[in-house]
Amino acid sequence: MTRGAETPTAAPAAEQRVDPAVMMAVAMARLLRDGETVMHGVASPLPMVAILLAKRLHAPNLVYLSIVGGVDPSPSALPVSTVDPALLEGARAQITLTDIFDLAARGRLDTAFLSGAQIDAQGRINLSVIGDFSRPKVRLPGGAGSAALLPTAKRTILWRTRHDRRTFVEQLPFVTAAGNVDRVVTPLCLFRRVNGRLRLESLHPGVSPEEVVAQTGFALEAPDVPTTPPPTEAELAALRAVDPNGVIRVEFG
């Protein structure tokens, strides 16, 4: 496990669920390491909070690159949008999006937070179309820079606030991006990519293996899956300090 990530333990039978927004923010923060260079893209309130939470808790030397170009910004109040100019406030420097791509291509971007409308068993993402490409049922917003960042960042952490069989699928209708996926964080669990396939690493408190299997569209092995440690009092206090207005809940609206 990474620095800041506690070892999962077996779950008590009657363990209560944790607010999924809180659980996801804390789980994502635990995956970050001190000294890393980390970025997120647009529409990324949870990663924004997770990065700042990790810096406050166990990774003070983490370098945060915001998508608007702020290097280690310290906004007086967290914006709802991750392309808000507030993420330039207090920054040590400013860079361009081109600089971020160049950094990744040179092997100097340690972790990228990305997501997808659909994620398959190999950790590939679809942000392009649902259905046949020439006559799609749904046109999605497109991958932006994900196809360049997913294979060039040293590792990618995917997240999705929706966990169901339409989101987690065995086969994508279109592969927008594929590459160095490490973990996937959802409201129900943590996946880890092992030998090219997503495997259950831990279940969040109060979530059963049967529920995750039922809500996932690709085959899973779920024997003796440990429980993600619930947030500690120190983590909850730090989260309240970083995000007093509950920006983490925007993605669950």
Protein backbone atom coordinates (compact mmCIF):
# COMPACT_ATOMS: atom_id res chain seq x y z
CA MET A 1 0.00 0.00 0.00
CA THR A 2 1.12 3.60 -0.53
CA ARG A 3 2.15 6.02 2.16
CA GLY A 4 -0.97 7.22 3.93
CA ALA A 5 -3.03 4.22 2.85
CA GLU A 6 -3.87 1.96 5.74
CA THR A 7 -3.91 -1.80 5.28
CA PRO A 8 -7.47 -3.03 4.62
CA THR A 9 -8.93 -5.25 7.31
CA ALA A 10 -11.80 -7.71 7.51
CA ALA A 11 -15.17 -5.99 7.92
CA PRO A 12 -17.42 -6.46 10.94
CA ALA A 13 -20.78 -7.88 9.87
CA ALA A 14 -22.77 -4.77 10.84
CA GLU A 15 -20.30 -2.10 9.69
CA GLN A 16 -22.04 1.14 8.73
CA ARG A 17 -21.55 2.85 5.40
CA VAL A 18 -19.55 6.04 5.19
CA ASP A 19 -20.83 9.03 3.21
CA PRO A 20 -19.58 8.05 -0.29
CA ALA A 21 -18.25 11.53 -1.05
CA VAL A 22 -16.19 11.50 2.14
CA MET A 23 -15.03 7.91 1.62
CA MET A 24 -13.95 8.57 -1.94
CA ALA A 25 -12.09 11.80 -1.13
CA VAL A 26 -10.22 10.14 1.73
CA ALA A 27 -9.46 6.97 -0.26
CA MET A 28 -8.09 9.03 -3.15
CA ALA A 29 -5.97 11.17 -0.84
CA ARG A 30 -4.44 8.08 0.77
CA LEU A 31 -3.19 6.89 -2.62
CA LEU A 32 -1.02 9.98 -3.10
CA ARG A 33 2.64 10.03 -2.07
CA ASP A 34 4.81 12.75 -0.65
CA GLY A 35 6.99 14.41 -3.28
CA GLU A 36 4.84 13.37 -6.25
CA THR A 37 3.77 15.71 -9.03
CA VAL A 38 0.00 15.29 -9.43
CA MET A 39 -2.60 16.80 -11.76
CA HIS A 40 -6.31 16.59 -12.45
CA GLY A 41 -8.41 17.78 -15.35
CA VAL A 42 -11.71 19.58 -15.75
CA ALA A 43 -14.84 18.57 -13.80
CA SER A 44 -12.70 17.12 -11.01
CA PRO A 45 -13.86 18.41 -7.60
CA LEU A 46 -13.09 15.12 -5.82
CA PRO A 47 -9.48 14.92 -7.04
CA MET A 48 -8.98 18.62 -6.26
CA VAL A 49 -10.04 18.06 -2.66
CA ALA A 50 -8.14 14.76 -2.40
CA ILE A 51 -4.89 16.39 -3.52
CA LEU A 52 -5.22 19.24 -1.02
CA LEU A 53 -6.20 16.76 1.70
CA ALA A 54 -3.12 14.63 1.03
CA LYS A 55 -0.90 17.73 1.20
CA ARG A 56 -2.40 18.61 4.56
CA LEU A 57 -2.14 15.10 6.01
CA HIS A 58 0.84 13.09 4.81
CA ALA A 59 2.23 14.56 1.59
CA PRO A 60 3.31 18.16 2.29
CA ASN A 61 5.88 18.05 -0.51
CA LEU A 62 3.40 16.90 -3.15
CA VAL A 63 3.36 19.25 -6.17
CA TYR A 64 -0.19 20.05 -7.29
CA LEU A 65 -0.76 21.10 -10.92
CA SER A 66 -4.23 22.52 -11.48
CA ILE A 67 -5.72 22.35 -14.96
CA VAL A 68 -5.86 26.17 -15.13
CA GLY A 69 -2.08 26.28 -14.69
CA GLY A 70 -1.54 27.00 -11.01
CA VAL A 71 1.42 25.21 -9.41
CA ASP A 72 0.57 24.51 -5.77
CA PRO A 73 -2.29 27.01 -5.55
CA SER A 74 -3.73 27.88 -2.16
CA PRO A 75 -7.21 29.30 -2.84
CA SER A 76 -8.92 31.08 0.03
CA ALA A 77 -12.09 29.16 -0.84
CA LEU A 78 -12.43 26.08 -3.01
CA PRO A 79 -14.31 26.69 -6.25
CA VAL A 80 -17.00 24.31 -7.48
CA SER A 81 -15.45 24.30 -10.96
CA THR A 82 -11.89 23.05 -11.38
CA VAL A 83 -11.33 25.50 -14.25
CA ASP A 84 -12.06 28.45 -11.95
CA PRO A 85 -9.30 31.11 -11.86
CA ALA A 86 -9.39 30.69 -8.07
CA LEU A 87 -7.04 27.74 -8.65
CA LEU A 88 -4.35 30.26 -9.60
CA GLU A 89 -4.59 32.02 -6.24
CA GLY A 90 -1.41 31.76 -4.20
CA ALA A 91 0.29 29.59 -6.84
CA ARG A 92 4.10 29.33 -6.74
CA ALA A 93 4.19 29.49 -10.53
CA GLN A 94 1.98 29.28 -13.59
CA ILE A 95 2.26 26.78 -16.42
CA THR A 96 0.24 26.00 -19.54
CA LEU A 97 -1.66 22.85 -20.47
CA THR A 98 1.04 22.23 -23.06
CA ASP A 99 3.60 22.20 -20.26
CA ILE A 100 1.61 19.47 -18.48
CA PHE A 101 1.57 17.29 -21.60
CA ASP A 102 5.28 17.90 -22.08
CA LEU A 103 5.96 17.02 -18.45
CA ALA A 104 4.07 13.74 -18.83
CA ALA A 105 5.82 12.90 -22.10
CA ARG A 106 9.19 13.37 -20.37
CA GLY A 107 8.21 11.01 -17.55
CA ARG A 108 7.91 13.70 -14.90
CA LEU A 109 4.18 13.54 -14.17
CA ASP A 110 3.80 11.02 -11.37
CA THR A 111 0.02 10.78 -11.05
CA ALA A 112 -2.93 11.93 -13.14
CA PHE A 113 -6.56 11.79 -12.04
CA LEU A 114 -8.84 10.91 -14.97
CA SER A 115 -12.31 9.47 -15.42
CA GLY A 116 -14.62 8.02 -18.06
CA ALA A 117 -18.29 7.64 -18.81
CA GLN A 118 -17.50 3.94 -19.07
CA ILE A 119 -14.59 1.90 -17.70
CA ASP A 120 -13.88 -1.65 -18.78
CA ALA A 121 -12.24 -4.64 -17.10
CA GLN A 122 -8.81 -3.57 -18.37
CA GLY A 123 -9.12 -0.06 -16.96
CA ARG A 124 -9.64 1.54 -20.38
CA ILE A 125 -12.04 4.47 -20.63
CA ASN A 126 -14.73 5.65 -23.03
CA LEU A 127 -15.53 9.35 -23.30
CA SER A 128 -16.50 9.33 -26.96
CA VAL A 129 -19.70 7.49 -27.94
CA ILE A 130 -22.20 4.92 -26.72
CA GLY A 131 -23.24 2.58 -29.51
CA ASP A 132 -21.89 2.36 -33.06
CA PHE A 133 -19.40 5.14 -33.78
CA SER A 134 -21.03 6.09 -37.10
CA ARG A 135 -24.53 6.19 -35.60
CA PRO A 136 -24.11 6.49 -31.82
CA LYS A 137 -26.93 6.34 -29.33
CA VAL A 138 -25.12 8.95 -27.24
CA ARG A 139 -22.33 11.35 -28.14
CA LEU A 140 -20.05 11.98 -25.17
CA PRO A 141 -17.84 15.06 -24.66
CA GLY A 142 -14.63 13.42 -25.92
CA GLY A 143 -11.38 12.53 -24.26
CA ALA A 144 -9.65 15.94 -24.37
CA GLY A 145 -6.11 15.05 -23.31
CA SER A 146 -6.82 11.68 -21.71
CA ALA A 147 -5.48 9.67 -24.67
CA ALA A 148 -2.14 11.47 -24.28
CA LEU A 149 -1.96 11.48 -20.49
CA LEU A 150 -3.17 7.97 -19.66
CA PRO A 151 -0.18 6.25 -21.31
CA THR A 152 2.44 8.87 -20.41
CA ALA A 153 1.74 9.70 -16.74
CA LYS A 154 3.63 7.26 -14.53
CA ARG A 155 0.30 6.17 -13.10
CA THR A 156 -3.34 7.15 -13.42
CA ILE A 157 -6.01 6.99 -10.76
CA LEU A 158 -9.48 6.75 -12.25
CA TRP A 159 -12.57 7.69 -10.29
CA ARG A 160 -16.30 7.50 -10.93
CA THR A 161 -19.09 8.52 -8.57
CA ARG A 162 -21.49 6.08 -10.22
CA HIS A 163 -20.94 2.33 -9.86
CA ASP A 164 -23.31 0.25 -11.98
CA ARG A 165 -23.29 -2.18 -14.88
CA ARG A 166 -23.70 0.57 -17.46
CA THR A 167 -20.57 2.30 -16.19
CA PHE A 168 -18.31 -0.69 -15.49
CA VAL A 169 -18.52 -2.85 -18.61
CA GLU A 170 -16.71 -5.88 -19.98
CA GLN A 171 -16.20 -4.32 -23.40
CA LEU A 172 -16.26 -0.67 -24.46
CA PRO A 173 -18.07 0.42 -27.62
CA PHE A 174 -15.17 2.84 -28.16
CA VAL A 175 -11.77 3.05 -26.44
CA THR A 176 -10.98 6.72 -25.89
CA ALA A 177 -7.84 6.11 -23.82
CA ALA A 178 -5.81 3.31 -22.29
CA GLY A 179 -2.58 3.20 -20.37
CA ASN A 180 -1.01 3.28 -16.93
CA VAL A 181 -4.06 2.80 -14.73
CA ASP A 182 -3.16 1.98 -11.14
CA ARG A 183 -6.40 2.25 -9.14
CA VAL A 184 -10.07 2.98 -9.70
CA VAL A 185 -12.03 4.58 -6.86
CA THR A 186 -15.84 4.27 -6.73
CA PRO A 187 -18.57 4.81 -4.11
CA LEU A 188 -18.48 1.07 -3.39
CA CYS A 189 -14.88 -0.04 -3.59
CA LEU A 190 -11.29 0.27 -4.70
CA PHE A 191 -10.10 -1.58 -7.78
CA ARG A 192 -6.43 -2.22 -8.48
CA ARG A 193 -5.14 -3.10 -11.94
CA VAL A 194 -3.17 -6.33 -11.75
CA ASN A 195 -1.76 -8.10 -14.82
CA GLY A 196 -3.83 -5.90 -17.08
CA ARG A 197 -7.19 -6.39 -15.38
CA LEU A 198 -9.10 -4.65 -12.61
CA ARG A 199 -9.36 -6.63 -9.39
CA LEU A 200 -11.14 -5.77 -6.16
CA GLU A 201 -8.66 -4.38 -3.65
CA SER A 202 -11.10 -3.42 -0.92
CA LEU A 203 -14.79 -2.81 -0.23
CA HIS A 204 -15.88 0.38 1.48
CA PRO A 205 -17.44 -0.03 4.94
CA GLY A 206 -20.91 -1.59 4.81
CA VAL A 207 -20.59 -2.75 1.18
CA SER A 208 -20.88 -6.47 0.49
CA PRO A 209 -18.99 -8.42 -2.20
CA GLU A 210 -22.35 -9.49 -3.62
CA GLU A 211 -23.42 -5.87 -4.14
CA VAL A 212 -20.24 -4.97 -6.01
CA VAL A 213 -20.43 -8.09 -8.19
CA ALA A 214 -24.09 -7.33 -8.99
CA GLN A 215 -23.30 -3.70 -9.89
CA THR A 216 -20.25 -4.48 -12.07
CA GLY A 217 -20.61 -5.50 -15.71
CA PHE A 218 -17.43 -7.56 -15.86
CA ALA A 219 -16.51 -10.72 -13.97
CA LEU A 220 -14.95 -10.27 -10.54
CA GLU A 221 -13.34 -12.57 -8.06
CA ALA A 222 -14.50 -11.48 -4.63
CA PRO A 223 -13.37 -14.02 -2.00
CA ASP A 224 -12.19 -12.56 1.31
CA VAL A 225 -12.01 -8.98 0.04
CA PRO A 226 -10.87 -6.69 2.87
CA THR A 227 -12.59 -3.50 3.95
CA THR A 228 -11.28 -0.05 3.12
CA PRO A 229 -10.39 1.50 6.50
CA PRO A 230 -12.99 4.15 7.37
CA PRO A 231 -11.81 7.76 7.68
CA THR A 232 -9.97 8.51 10.89
CA GLU A 233 -10.84 11.47 13.10
CA ALA A 234 -7.68 13.20 11.86
CA GLU A 235 -8.70 12.66 8.23
CA LEU A 236 -12.22 13.94 8.88
CA ALA A 237 -10.91 17.03 10.67
CA ALA A 238 -8.49 17.74 7.82
CA LEU A 239 -11.27 17.27 5.26
CA ARG A 240 -13.48 19.77 7.10
CA ALA A 241 -10.61 22.25 7.11
CA VAL A 242 -9.82 21.78 3.41
CA ASP A 243 -13.41 21.63 2.18
CA PRO A 244 -15.72 23.35 4.69
CA ASN A 245 -18.41 23.95 2.06
CA GLY A 246 -18.68 20.35 0.87
CA VAL A 247 -17.41 20.77 -2.68
CA ILE A 248 -16.82 17.00 -2.76
CA ARG A 249 -20.59 16.49 -2.97
CA VAL A 250 -20.96 18.43 -6.23
CA GLU A 251 -20.24 15.28 -8.25
CA PHE A 252 -23.07 13.44 -6.49
CA GLY A 253 -25.73 16.03 -7.35
